[in-house]
Amino acid sequence: MNDEFEIFTNESELKFDQYGLIPAIVQDEATQEILMVAWMNAEAFRLTKETMQAHFWSRSRQELWHKGATSGNFMNVGKILVDCDADTLVLLVQPAGSACHTGERSCFYREVEVRVA
C-alpha cells in the first residue's frame, strides 16, 4: 500500500449524480476516525477547495451549508481525496469540535446489534 497520493487534476472527471451531488466522507486526519458523511454539489466543492473548510449541500434544506458556521465546529480540510471511480470524496480534516449535530464527536456513535446464529 502506498502512503503517497497521486495528484488528481482533472476535476471535470468528478461524477456528480443525477441531482448534481457527490458523497463526501469526512475523516479525522490524525485519528482516521470517520466523523460524518455529507453531500457536495459543485459549488460546495469549489468553496471547500478555496477556503479549506468543509462546505456541503443540505438535501433537506436545499441550500449550501458551511460546516461550523453556526456551531463553531468547523472542519478544517487538510486533503481532499477522490476514489478510483471519481464518484466519492474523502475530506481529511482537523475538526474544531464535534462533527455531529447531537454534540457527539462523530455522527457514527451508534452500533447495530448483530447476533451470530
C-alpha atoms as a PDB file:
ATOM      1  CA  MET A   1       0.000   0.000   0.000  1.00  0.00           C
ATOM      2  CA  ASN A   2       1.315   3.394  -0.998  1.00  0.00           C
ATOM      3  CA  ASP A   3       1.159   6.201   1.603  1.00  0.00           C
ATOM      4  CA  GLU A   4       1.716   8.796  -1.120  1.00  0.00           C
ATOM      5  CA  PHE A   5      -1.281  10.118  -3.011  1.00  0.00           C
ATOM      6  CA  GLU A   6      -1.470  10.574  -6.757  1.00  0.00           C
ATOM      7  CA  ILE A   7      -2.439  14.124  -7.686  1.00  0.00           C
ATOM      8  CA  PHE A   8      -5.930  14.356  -9.197  1.00  0.00           C
ATOM      9  CA  THR A   9      -6.028  17.336 -11.521  1.00  0.00           C
ATOM     10  CA  ASN A  10      -8.960  16.770 -13.861  1.00  0.00           C
ATOM     11  CA  GLU A  11     -11.929  17.876 -11.767  1.00  0.00           C
ATOM     12  CA  SER A  12     -14.192  17.555 -14.809  1.00  0.00           C
ATOM     13  CA  GLU A  13     -13.876  13.782 -14.254  1.00  0.00           C
ATOM     14  CA  LEU A  14     -15.753  14.014 -10.940  1.00  0.00           C
ATOM     15  CA  LYS A  15     -19.015  12.092 -11.244  1.00  0.00           C
ATOM     16  CA  PHE A  16     -21.850  14.003  -9.648  1.00  0.00           C
ATOM     17  CA  ASP A  17     -25.136  12.083  -9.516  1.00  0.00           C
ATOM     18  CA  GLN A  18     -28.362  12.970 -11.332  1.00  0.00           C
ATOM     19  CA  TYR A  19     -29.044  15.626  -8.656  1.00  0.00           C
ATOM     20  CA  GLY A  20     -25.622  17.217  -9.108  1.00  0.00           C
ATOM     21  CA  LEU A  21     -24.276  15.748  -5.853  1.00  0.00           C
ATOM     22  CA  ILE A  22     -21.301  13.667  -4.809  1.00  0.00           C
ATOM     23  CA  PRO A  23     -20.899  11.962  -1.390  1.00  0.00           C
ATOM     24  CA  ALA A  24     -18.148  13.283   0.875  1.00  0.00           C
ATOM     25  CA  ILE A  25     -16.817  11.177   3.727  1.00  0.00           C
ATOM     26  CA  VAL A  26     -15.292  13.340   6.456  1.00  0.00           C
ATOM     27  CA  GLN A  27     -12.397  11.669   8.265  1.00  0.00           C
ATOM     28  CA  ASP A  28     -10.219  12.945  11.095  1.00  0.00           C
ATOM     29  CA  GLU A  29      -6.769  13.365   9.556  1.00  0.00           C
ATOM     30  CA  ALA A  30      -4.947  12.493  12.808  1.00  0.00           C
ATOM     31  CA  THR A  31      -7.011   9.575  14.149  1.00  0.00           C
ATOM     32  CA  GLN A  32      -8.522   8.251  10.873  1.00  0.00           C
ATOM     33  CA  GLU A  33     -11.943   8.182  12.582  1.00  0.00           C
ATOM     34  CA  ILE A  34     -14.908   8.646  10.223  1.00  0.00           C
ATOM     35  CA  LEU A  35     -16.727  11.709  11.516  1.00  0.00           C
ATOM     36  CA  MET A  36     -19.609  12.191   9.094  1.00  0.00           C
ATOM     37  CA  VAL A  37     -20.890  11.707   5.562  1.00  0.00           C
ATOM     38  CA  ALA A  38     -22.461  14.573   3.649  1.00  0.00           C
ATOM     39  CA  TRP A  39     -23.162  15.665   0.091  1.00  0.00           C
ATOM     40  CA  MET A  40     -21.412  18.258  -2.053  1.00  0.00           C
ATOM     41  CA  ASN A  41     -22.542  19.983  -5.201  1.00  0.00           C
ATOM     42  CA  ALA A  42     -20.063  21.728  -7.497  1.00  0.00           C
ATOM     43  CA  GLU A  43     -20.340  24.994  -5.532  1.00  0.00           C
ATOM     44  CA  ALA A  44     -19.705  23.283  -2.171  1.00  0.00           C
ATOM     45  CA  PHE A  45     -16.690  21.521  -3.689  1.00  0.00           C
ATOM     46  CA  ARG A  46     -15.334  24.815  -5.062  1.00  0.00           C
ATOM     47  CA  LEU A  47     -15.843  26.631  -1.742  1.00  0.00           C
ATOM     48  CA  THR A  48     -14.193  23.795   0.176  1.00  0.00           C
ATOM     49  CA  LYS A  49     -11.142  23.964  -2.089  1.00  0.00           C
ATOM     50  CA  GLU A  50     -10.947  27.758  -1.883  1.00  0.00           C
ATOM     51  CA  THR A  51     -11.373  28.081   1.894  1.00  0.00           C
ATOM     52  CA  MET A  52     -10.057  24.684   3.045  1.00  0.00           C
ATOM     53  CA  GLN A  53     -13.099  24.484   5.315  1.00  0.00           C
ATOM     54  CA  ALA A  54     -15.830  21.951   4.596  1.00  0.00           C
ATOM     55  CA  HIS A  55     -18.895  23.151   2.713  1.00  0.00           C
ATOM     56  CA  PHE A  56     -21.775  20.861   1.792  1.00  0.00           C
ATOM     57  CA  TRP A  57     -25.165  20.825   0.129  1.00  0.00           C
ATOM     58  CA  SER A  58     -28.034  20.236   2.544  1.00  0.00           C
ATOM     59  CA  ARG A  59     -30.536  17.968   0.814  1.00  0.00           C
ATOM     60  CA  SER A  60     -33.185  18.650   3.461  1.00  0.00           C
ATOM     61  CA  ARG A  61     -32.825  22.458   3.402  1.00  0.00           C
ATOM     62  CA  GLN A  62     -31.848  22.661  -0.277  1.00  0.00           C
ATOM     63  CA  GLU A  63     -29.029  25.103   0.437  1.00  0.00           C
ATOM     64  CA  LEU A  64     -25.273  25.391   0.777  1.00  0.00           C
ATOM     65  CA  TRP A  65     -24.000  24.653   4.257  1.00  0.00           C
ATOM     66  CA  HIS A  66     -20.663  25.822   5.707  1.00  0.00           C
ATOM     67  CA  LYS A  67     -19.943  23.259   8.421  1.00  0.00           C
ATOM     68  CA  GLY A  68     -19.389  25.144  11.676  1.00  0.00           C
ATOM     69  CA  ALA A  69     -20.830  28.489  10.545  1.00  0.00           C
ATOM     70  CA  THR A  70     -23.461  28.427  13.311  1.00  0.00           C
ATOM     71  CA  SER A  71     -21.927  25.954  15.778  1.00  0.00           C
ATOM     72  CA  GLY A  72     -18.267  26.923  15.557  1.00  0.00           C
ATOM     73  CA  ASN A  73     -17.441  23.249  14.888  1.00  0.00           C
ATOM     74  CA  PHE A  74     -15.560  23.858  11.657  1.00  0.00           C
ATOM     75  CA  MET A  75     -13.967  21.045   9.684  1.00  0.00           C
ATOM     76  CA  ASN A  76     -10.596  22.396   8.522  1.00  0.00           C
ATOM     77  CA  VAL A  77      -9.573  20.434   5.443  1.00  0.00           C
ATOM     78  CA  GLY A  78      -6.052  19.082   5.115  1.00  0.00           C
ATOM     79  CA  LYS A  79      -6.568  16.977   1.980  1.00  0.00           C
ATOM     80  CA  ILE A  80      -9.335  16.090  -0.438  1.00  0.00           C
ATOM     81  CA  LEU A  81      -9.134  12.557  -1.814  1.00  0.00           C
ATOM     82  CA  VAL A  82     -11.021  11.148  -4.798  1.00  0.00           C
ATOM     83  CA  ASP A  83     -11.849   7.461  -5.117  1.00  0.00           C
ATOM     84  CA  CYS A  84     -10.860   5.344  -8.134  1.00  0.00           C
ATOM     85  CA  ASP A  85     -14.225   5.889  -9.874  1.00  0.00           C
ATOM     86  CA  ALA A  86     -14.221   9.655  -9.158  1.00  0.00           C
ATOM     87  CA  ASP A  87     -17.692   9.364  -7.616  1.00  0.00           C
ATOM     88  CA  THR A  88     -16.877   9.740  -3.900  1.00  0.00           C
ATOM     89  CA  LEU A  89     -14.701  12.167  -1.954  1.00  0.00           C
ATOM     90  CA  VAL A  90     -12.894  11.855   1.365  1.00  0.00           C
ATOM     91  CA  LEU A  91     -12.100  15.030   3.265  1.00  0.00           C
ATOM     92  CA  LEU A  92      -9.208  14.584   5.685  1.00  0.00           C
ATOM     93  CA  VAL A  93      -9.898  17.207   8.337  1.00  0.00           C
ATOM     94  CA  GLN A  94      -8.726  18.715  11.580  1.00  0.00           C
ATOM     95  CA  PRO A  95     -12.053  19.101  13.402  1.00  0.00           C
ATOM     96  CA  ALA A  96     -12.631  22.171  15.576  1.00  0.00           C
ATOM     97  CA  GLY A  97     -15.265  20.499  17.722  1.00  0.00           C
ATOM     98  CA  SER A  98     -17.840  17.788  17.303  1.00  0.00           C
ATOM     99  CA  ALA A  99     -18.946  16.684  13.842  1.00  0.00           C
ATOM    100  CA  CYS A 100     -22.456  15.602  14.792  1.00  0.00           C
ATOM    101  CA  HIS A 101     -25.371  17.982  15.356  1.00  0.00           C
ATOM    102  CA  THR A 102     -26.133  15.946  18.529  1.00  0.00           C
ATOM    103  CA  GLY A 103     -22.844  17.065  20.064  1.00  0.00           C
ATOM    104  CA  GLU A 104     -21.146  13.684  19.561  1.00  0.00           C
ATOM    105  CA  ARG A 105     -17.601  13.765  18.185  1.00  0.00           C
ATOM    106  CA  SER A 106     -18.665  11.583  15.248  1.00  0.00           C
ATOM    107  CA  CYS A 107     -22.045  11.005  13.631  1.00  0.00           C
ATOM    108  CA  PHE A 108     -21.201   7.293  13.881  1.00  0.00           C
ATOM    109  CA  TYR A 109     -21.644   6.757  17.616  1.00  0.00           C
ATOM    110  CA  ARG A 110     -24.300   4.008  17.472  1.00  0.00           C
ATOM    111  CA  GLU A 111     -23.618   0.354  16.745  1.00  0.00           C
ATOM    112  CA  VAL A 112     -26.105  -2.080  15.234  1.00  0.00           C
ATOM    113  CA  GLU A 113     -26.546  -5.132  17.420  1.00  0.00           C
ATOM    114  CA  VAL A 114     -25.644  -8.209  15.392  1.00  0.00           C
ATOM    115  CA  ARG A 115     -26.364 -11.683  16.694  1.00  0.00           C
ATOM    116  CA  VAL A 116     -24.465 -14.605  15.290  1.00  0.00           C
ATOM    117  CA  ALA A 117     -26.689 -17.644  14.769  1.00  0.00           C
END
